[in-house]
Amino acid sequence: MLDAVEQLERRWRYELTAVQFAVEDVPPLVSERTPELVRLARVERVGDNHRIVVHRWPIEVRTRDHGELAALVHDVVVEEVAELLGVEPESVDPEYDGGPAL
């Protein structure tokens, strides 16, 4: 995840100054009765502070090797940054390949 964040911070340094990045093993459930679709990441907004949380386990089970893992983490971080900034993922990173929908 650090590699993905470092790449984006070079281009979006100013826009990401108030953003923290974190990794959690699994996403929280909305309810035990009606669990949401397992998300790969989420954006938390608290006042002027923002936090992008990547969920490690759901990402790891979708990949077969380190290369796929790195690519998926990159796409997920790009998607979350795009959501936070209100732009398309391709605007955040022109090399974004249209990764998985969250």
N, C-alpha and C. Protein backbone atom coordinates (compact mmCIF):
# COMPACT_ATOMS: atom_id res chain seq x y z
N MET A 1 0.82 -1.18 0.00
CA MET A 1 0.00 0.00 0.00
C MET A 1 0.87 1.26 0.00
N LEU A 2 1.99 1.21 0.67
CA LEU A 2 2.86 2.38 0.71
C LEU A 2 3.31 2.81 -0.67
N ASP A 3 3.61 1.84 -1.54
CA ASP A 3 4.02 2.18 -2.90
C ASP A 3 2.91 2.92 -3.65
N ALA A 4 1.69 2.42 -3.52
CA ALA A 4 0.55 3.06 -4.20
C ALA A 4 0.34 4.47 -3.68
N VAL A 5 0.41 4.65 -2.38
CA VAL A 5 0.20 5.97 -1.78
C VAL A 5 1.32 6.93 -2.19
N GLU A 6 2.57 6.46 -2.17
CA GLU A 6 3.68 7.32 -2.55
C GLU A 6 3.55 7.81 -3.99
N GLN A 7 3.12 6.92 -4.89
CA GLN A 7 2.93 7.33 -6.29
C GLN A 7 1.89 8.45 -6.40
N LEU A 8 0.78 8.28 -5.69
CA LEU A 8 -0.29 9.27 -5.78
C LEU A 8 0.07 10.57 -5.08
N GLU A 9 0.81 10.48 -3.98
CA GLU A 9 1.19 11.71 -3.27
C GLU A 9 2.11 12.59 -4.10
N ARG A 10 2.90 11.99 -4.99
CA ARG A 10 3.75 12.81 -5.86
C ARG A 10 2.90 13.72 -6.74
N ARG A 11 1.79 13.22 -7.19
CA ARG A 11 0.94 13.97 -8.12
C ARG A 11 -0.12 14.80 -7.40
N TRP A 12 -0.60 14.32 -6.26
CA TRP A 12 -1.72 14.93 -5.55
C TRP A 12 -1.34 15.39 -4.14
N ARG A 13 -0.12 15.80 -3.96
CA ARG A 13 0.41 16.16 -2.62
C ARG A 13 -0.52 17.11 -1.87
N TYR A 14 -0.90 18.19 -2.50
CA TYR A 14 -1.73 19.20 -1.82
C TYR A 14 -3.10 18.62 -1.44
N GLU A 15 -3.74 17.92 -2.37
CA GLU A 15 -5.09 17.39 -2.13
C GLU A 15 -5.11 16.28 -1.08
N LEU A 16 -3.97 15.63 -0.87
CA LEU A 16 -3.93 14.50 0.07
C LEU A 16 -3.29 14.85 1.41
N THR A 17 -3.01 16.13 1.65
CA THR A 17 -2.35 16.49 2.91
C THR A 17 -3.18 16.14 4.14
N ALA A 18 -4.50 16.22 4.05
CA ALA A 18 -5.37 15.93 5.20
C ALA A 18 -5.92 14.50 5.16
N VAL A 19 -5.27 13.63 4.38
CA VAL A 19 -5.75 12.26 4.25
C VAL A 19 -4.76 11.30 4.91
N GLN A 20 -5.29 10.44 5.75
CA GLN A 20 -4.50 9.37 6.34
C GLN A 20 -4.85 8.08 5.60
N PHE A 21 -3.89 7.19 5.52
CA PHE A 21 -4.10 5.89 4.90
C PHE A 21 -3.88 4.81 5.95
N ALA A 22 -4.76 3.81 5.95
CA ALA A 22 -4.66 2.75 6.95
C ALA A 22 -5.03 1.42 6.31
N VAL A 23 -4.61 0.35 6.98
CA VAL A 23 -4.95 -1.01 6.56
C VAL A 23 -5.63 -1.70 7.73
N GLU A 24 -6.76 -2.33 7.46
CA GLU A 24 -7.44 -3.17 8.44
C GLU A 24 -7.59 -4.55 7.83
N ASP A 25 -7.65 -5.55 8.67
CA ASP A 25 -7.76 -6.92 8.16
C ASP A 25 -9.06 -7.14 7.39
N VAL A 26 -10.19 -6.76 7.98
CA VAL A 26 -11.49 -6.97 7.35
C VAL A 26 -12.35 -5.73 7.53
N PRO A 27 -13.33 -5.54 6.65
CA PRO A 27 -14.23 -4.39 6.80
C PRO A 27 -15.27 -4.65 7.88
N PRO A 28 -15.79 -3.60 8.48
CA PRO A 28 -16.86 -3.78 9.46
C PRO A 28 -18.16 -4.18 8.76
N LEU A 29 -19.01 -4.90 9.45
CA LEU A 29 -20.31 -5.26 8.91
C LEU A 29 -21.30 -4.15 9.21
N VAL A 30 -22.22 -3.93 8.29
CA VAL A 30 -23.28 -2.95 8.52
C VAL A 30 -24.20 -3.50 9.60
N SER A 31 -24.54 -4.78 9.50
CA SER A 31 -25.41 -5.43 10.45
C SER A 31 -25.16 -6.93 10.37
N GLU A 32 -25.29 -7.63 11.47
CA GLU A 32 -25.11 -9.08 11.43
C GLU A 32 -26.23 -9.74 10.64
N ARG A 33 -27.40 -9.13 10.62
CA ARG A 33 -28.53 -9.70 9.87
C ARG A 33 -28.39 -9.50 8.37
N THR A 34 -27.89 -8.34 7.99
CA THR A 34 -27.76 -8.03 6.56
C THR A 34 -26.37 -7.53 6.26
N PRO A 35 -25.39 -8.42 6.23
CA PRO A 35 -24.02 -7.95 5.95
C PRO A 35 -23.94 -7.37 4.54
N GLU A 36 -23.20 -6.28 4.43
CA GLU A 36 -23.01 -5.66 3.12
C GLU A 36 -22.07 -6.49 2.26
N LEU A 37 -22.08 -6.22 1.00
CA LEU A 37 -21.11 -6.81 0.10
C LEU A 37 -19.73 -6.47 0.64
N VAL A 38 -18.83 -7.43 0.63
CA VAL A 38 -17.50 -7.20 1.21
C VAL A 38 -16.77 -6.15 0.38
N ARG A 39 -16.44 -5.06 1.02
CA ARG A 39 -15.74 -3.97 0.34
C ARG A 39 -14.24 -4.14 0.48
N LEU A 40 -13.52 -3.64 -0.51
CA LEU A 40 -12.07 -3.72 -0.49
C LEU A 40 -11.44 -2.54 0.24
N ALA A 41 -12.20 -1.45 0.36
CA ALA A 41 -11.70 -0.25 1.04
C ALA A 41 -12.88 0.66 1.34
N ARG A 42 -12.58 1.70 2.10
CA ARG A 42 -13.62 2.70 2.39
C ARG A 42 -12.96 4.05 2.70
N VAL A 43 -13.76 5.10 2.54
CA VAL A 43 -13.33 6.45 2.90
C VAL A 43 -14.11 6.85 4.14
N GLU A 44 -13.39 7.32 5.16
CA GLU A 44 -14.03 7.84 6.35
C GLU A 44 -13.82 9.35 6.35
N ARG A 45 -14.90 10.08 6.57
CA ARG A 45 -14.81 11.54 6.60
C ARG A 45 -15.23 12.03 7.98
N VAL A 46 -14.32 12.74 8.62
CA VAL A 46 -14.59 13.31 9.93
C VAL A 46 -14.13 14.76 9.91
N GLY A 47 -15.08 15.66 9.72
CA GLY A 47 -14.73 17.07 9.63
C GLY A 47 -13.82 17.32 8.45
N ASP A 48 -12.69 17.97 8.71
CA ASP A 48 -11.72 18.26 7.66
C ASP A 48 -10.74 17.13 7.43
N ASN A 49 -10.80 16.11 8.26
CA ASN A 49 -9.88 14.99 8.14
C ASN A 49 -10.53 13.83 7.39
N HIS A 50 -9.72 13.14 6.64
CA HIS A 50 -10.20 12.00 5.86
C HIS A 50 -9.25 10.83 6.08
N ARG A 51 -9.81 9.65 5.97
CA ARG A 51 -9.00 8.45 6.14
C ARG A 51 -9.46 7.43 5.10
N ILE A 52 -8.50 6.90 4.36
CA ILE A 52 -8.78 5.83 3.42
C ILE A 52 -8.27 4.55 4.05
N VAL A 53 -9.20 3.61 4.21
CA VAL A 53 -8.88 2.33 4.86
C VAL A 53 -8.98 1.22 3.83
N VAL A 54 -7.90 0.50 3.65
CA VAL A 54 -7.84 -0.64 2.73
C VAL A 54 -8.01 -1.91 3.58
N HIS A 55 -8.86 -2.82 3.10
CA HIS A 55 -9.14 -4.06 3.83
C HIS A 55 -8.27 -5.19 3.26
N ARG A 56 -7.31 -5.62 4.07
CA ARG A 56 -6.28 -6.55 3.63
C ARG A 56 -6.83 -7.91 3.19
N TRP A 57 -7.61 -8.54 4.01
CA TRP A 57 -8.03 -9.91 3.70
C TRP A 57 -8.86 -10.01 2.42
N PRO A 58 -9.89 -9.19 2.21
CA PRO A 58 -10.65 -9.29 0.96
C PRO A 58 -9.80 -9.07 -0.29
N ILE A 59 -8.75 -8.26 -0.17
CA ILE A 59 -7.86 -8.04 -1.32
C ILE A 59 -6.98 -9.26 -1.53
N GLU A 60 -6.42 -9.79 -0.45
CA GLU A 60 -5.52 -10.94 -0.58
C GLU A 60 -6.22 -12.16 -1.19
N VAL A 61 -7.48 -12.39 -0.83
CA VAL A 61 -8.16 -13.59 -1.36
C VAL A 61 -8.51 -13.45 -2.84
N ARG A 62 -8.45 -12.24 -3.37
CA ARG A 62 -8.76 -12.02 -4.79
C ARG A 62 -7.52 -12.07 -5.68
N THR A 63 -6.35 -12.27 -5.08
CA THR A 63 -5.12 -12.26 -5.88
C THR A 63 -4.37 -13.57 -5.73
N ARG A 64 -3.55 -13.88 -6.74
CA ARG A 64 -2.78 -15.13 -6.74
C ARG A 64 -1.32 -14.95 -6.40
N ASP A 65 -0.79 -13.75 -6.63
CA ASP A 65 0.64 -13.54 -6.38
C ASP A 65 0.89 -12.08 -6.01
N HIS A 66 2.14 -11.79 -5.71
CA HIS A 66 2.51 -10.44 -5.26
C HIS A 66 2.21 -9.38 -6.33
N GLY A 67 2.44 -9.71 -7.59
CA GLY A 67 2.18 -8.75 -8.66
C GLY A 67 0.71 -8.37 -8.74
N GLU A 68 -0.16 -9.37 -8.68
CA GLU A 68 -1.60 -9.10 -8.69
C GLU A 68 -2.02 -8.32 -7.45
N LEU A 69 -1.44 -8.68 -6.31
CA LEU A 69 -1.76 -7.99 -5.06
C LEU A 69 -1.40 -6.51 -5.16
N ALA A 70 -0.20 -6.21 -5.63
CA ALA A 70 0.24 -4.82 -5.76
C ALA A 70 -0.66 -4.05 -6.73
N ALA A 71 -1.02 -4.68 -7.85
CA ALA A 71 -1.87 -4.02 -8.84
C ALA A 71 -3.26 -3.74 -8.28
N LEU A 72 -3.83 -4.71 -7.56
CA LEU A 72 -5.16 -4.52 -7.00
C LEU A 72 -5.15 -3.45 -5.91
N VAL A 73 -4.15 -3.47 -5.05
CA VAL A 73 -4.06 -2.44 -4.01
C VAL A 73 -3.96 -1.06 -4.66
N HIS A 74 -3.14 -0.94 -5.69
CA HIS A 74 -3.01 0.34 -6.39
C HIS A 74 -4.35 0.80 -6.93
N ASP A 75 -5.07 -0.09 -7.63
CA ASP A 75 -6.37 0.28 -8.19
C ASP A 75 -7.37 0.68 -7.11
N VAL A 76 -7.38 -0.05 -6.01
CA VAL A 76 -8.30 0.25 -4.92
C VAL A 76 -7.99 1.61 -4.31
N VAL A 77 -6.72 1.90 -4.08
CA VAL A 77 -6.33 3.21 -3.53
C VAL A 77 -6.69 4.32 -4.51
N VAL A 78 -6.45 4.11 -5.79
CA VAL A 78 -6.82 5.11 -6.81
C VAL A 78 -8.33 5.36 -6.78
N GLU A 79 -9.13 4.30 -6.70
CA GLU A 79 -10.58 4.45 -6.67
C GLU A 79 -11.05 5.24 -5.45
N GLU A 80 -10.46 4.95 -4.31
CA GLU A 80 -10.86 5.66 -3.08
C GLU A 80 -10.42 7.12 -3.11
N VAL A 81 -9.23 7.40 -3.61
CA VAL A 81 -8.79 8.79 -3.75
C VAL A 81 -9.71 9.52 -4.73
N ALA A 82 -10.08 8.87 -5.82
CA ALA A 82 -10.99 9.48 -6.79
C ALA A 82 -12.33 9.80 -6.15
N GLU A 83 -12.85 8.87 -5.36
CA GLU A 83 -14.12 9.12 -4.67
C GLU A 83 -13.98 10.31 -3.73
N LEU A 84 -12.91 10.35 -2.98
CA LEU A 84 -12.69 11.43 -2.04
C LEU A 84 -12.58 12.78 -2.74
N LEU A 85 -11.90 12.82 -3.87
CA LEU A 85 -11.69 14.08 -4.61
C LEU A 85 -12.85 14.42 -5.53
N GLY A 86 -13.77 13.47 -5.74
CA GLY A 86 -14.90 13.72 -6.62
C GLY A 86 -14.52 13.76 -8.09
N VAL A 87 -13.55 12.92 -8.48
CA VAL A 87 -13.11 12.85 -9.87
C VAL A 87 -13.09 11.40 -10.32
N GLU A 88 -12.88 11.19 -11.60
CA GLU A 88 -12.78 9.84 -12.14
C GLU A 88 -11.42 9.24 -11.79
N PRO A 89 -11.36 7.92 -11.60
CA PRO A 89 -10.07 7.28 -11.28
C PRO A 89 -8.98 7.57 -12.31
N GLU A 90 -9.34 7.68 -13.58
CA GLU A 90 -8.36 7.97 -14.62
C GLU A 90 -7.73 9.36 -14.45
N SER A 91 -8.45 10.26 -13.79
CA SER A 91 -7.90 11.58 -13.49
C SER A 91 -6.86 11.50 -12.38
N VAL A 92 -7.07 10.59 -11.46
CA VAL A 92 -6.13 10.41 -10.35
C VAL A 92 -4.85 9.76 -10.85
N ASP A 93 -5.01 8.75 -11.71
CA ASP A 93 -3.85 8.04 -12.26
C ASP A 93 -4.18 7.62 -13.69
N PRO A 94 -3.56 8.24 -14.68
CA PRO A 94 -3.84 7.89 -16.07
C PRO A 94 -3.57 6.42 -16.40
N GLU A 95 -2.77 5.74 -15.59
CA GLU A 95 -2.49 4.32 -15.83
C GLU A 95 -3.50 3.39 -15.17
N TYR A 96 -4.50 3.96 -14.52
CA TYR A 96 -5.55 3.15 -13.89
C TYR A 96 -6.18 2.28 -14.96
N ASP A 97 -6.36 1.00 -14.65
CA ASP A 97 -6.85 0.07 -15.68
C ASP A 97 -8.31 -0.33 -15.52
N GLY A 98 -9.06 0.42 -14.74
CA GLY A 98 -10.47 0.08 -14.57
C GLY A 98 -10.66 -1.13 -13.70
N GLY A 99 -9.92 -1.20 -12.63
CA GLY A 99 -9.96 -2.31 -11.70
C GLY A 99 -11.35 -2.64 -11.20
N PRO A 100 -11.44 -3.44 -10.16
CA PRO A 100 -12.71 -3.95 -9.69
C PRO A 100 -13.59 -2.87 -9.10
N ALA A 101 -14.87 -3.03 -9.30
CA ALA A 101 -15.83 -2.14 -8.65
C ALA A 101 -15.89 -2.50 -7.18
N LEU A 102 -15.94 -1.50 -6.35
CA LEU A 102 -16.03 -1.75 -4.91
C LEU A 102 -17.45 -1.94 -4.57
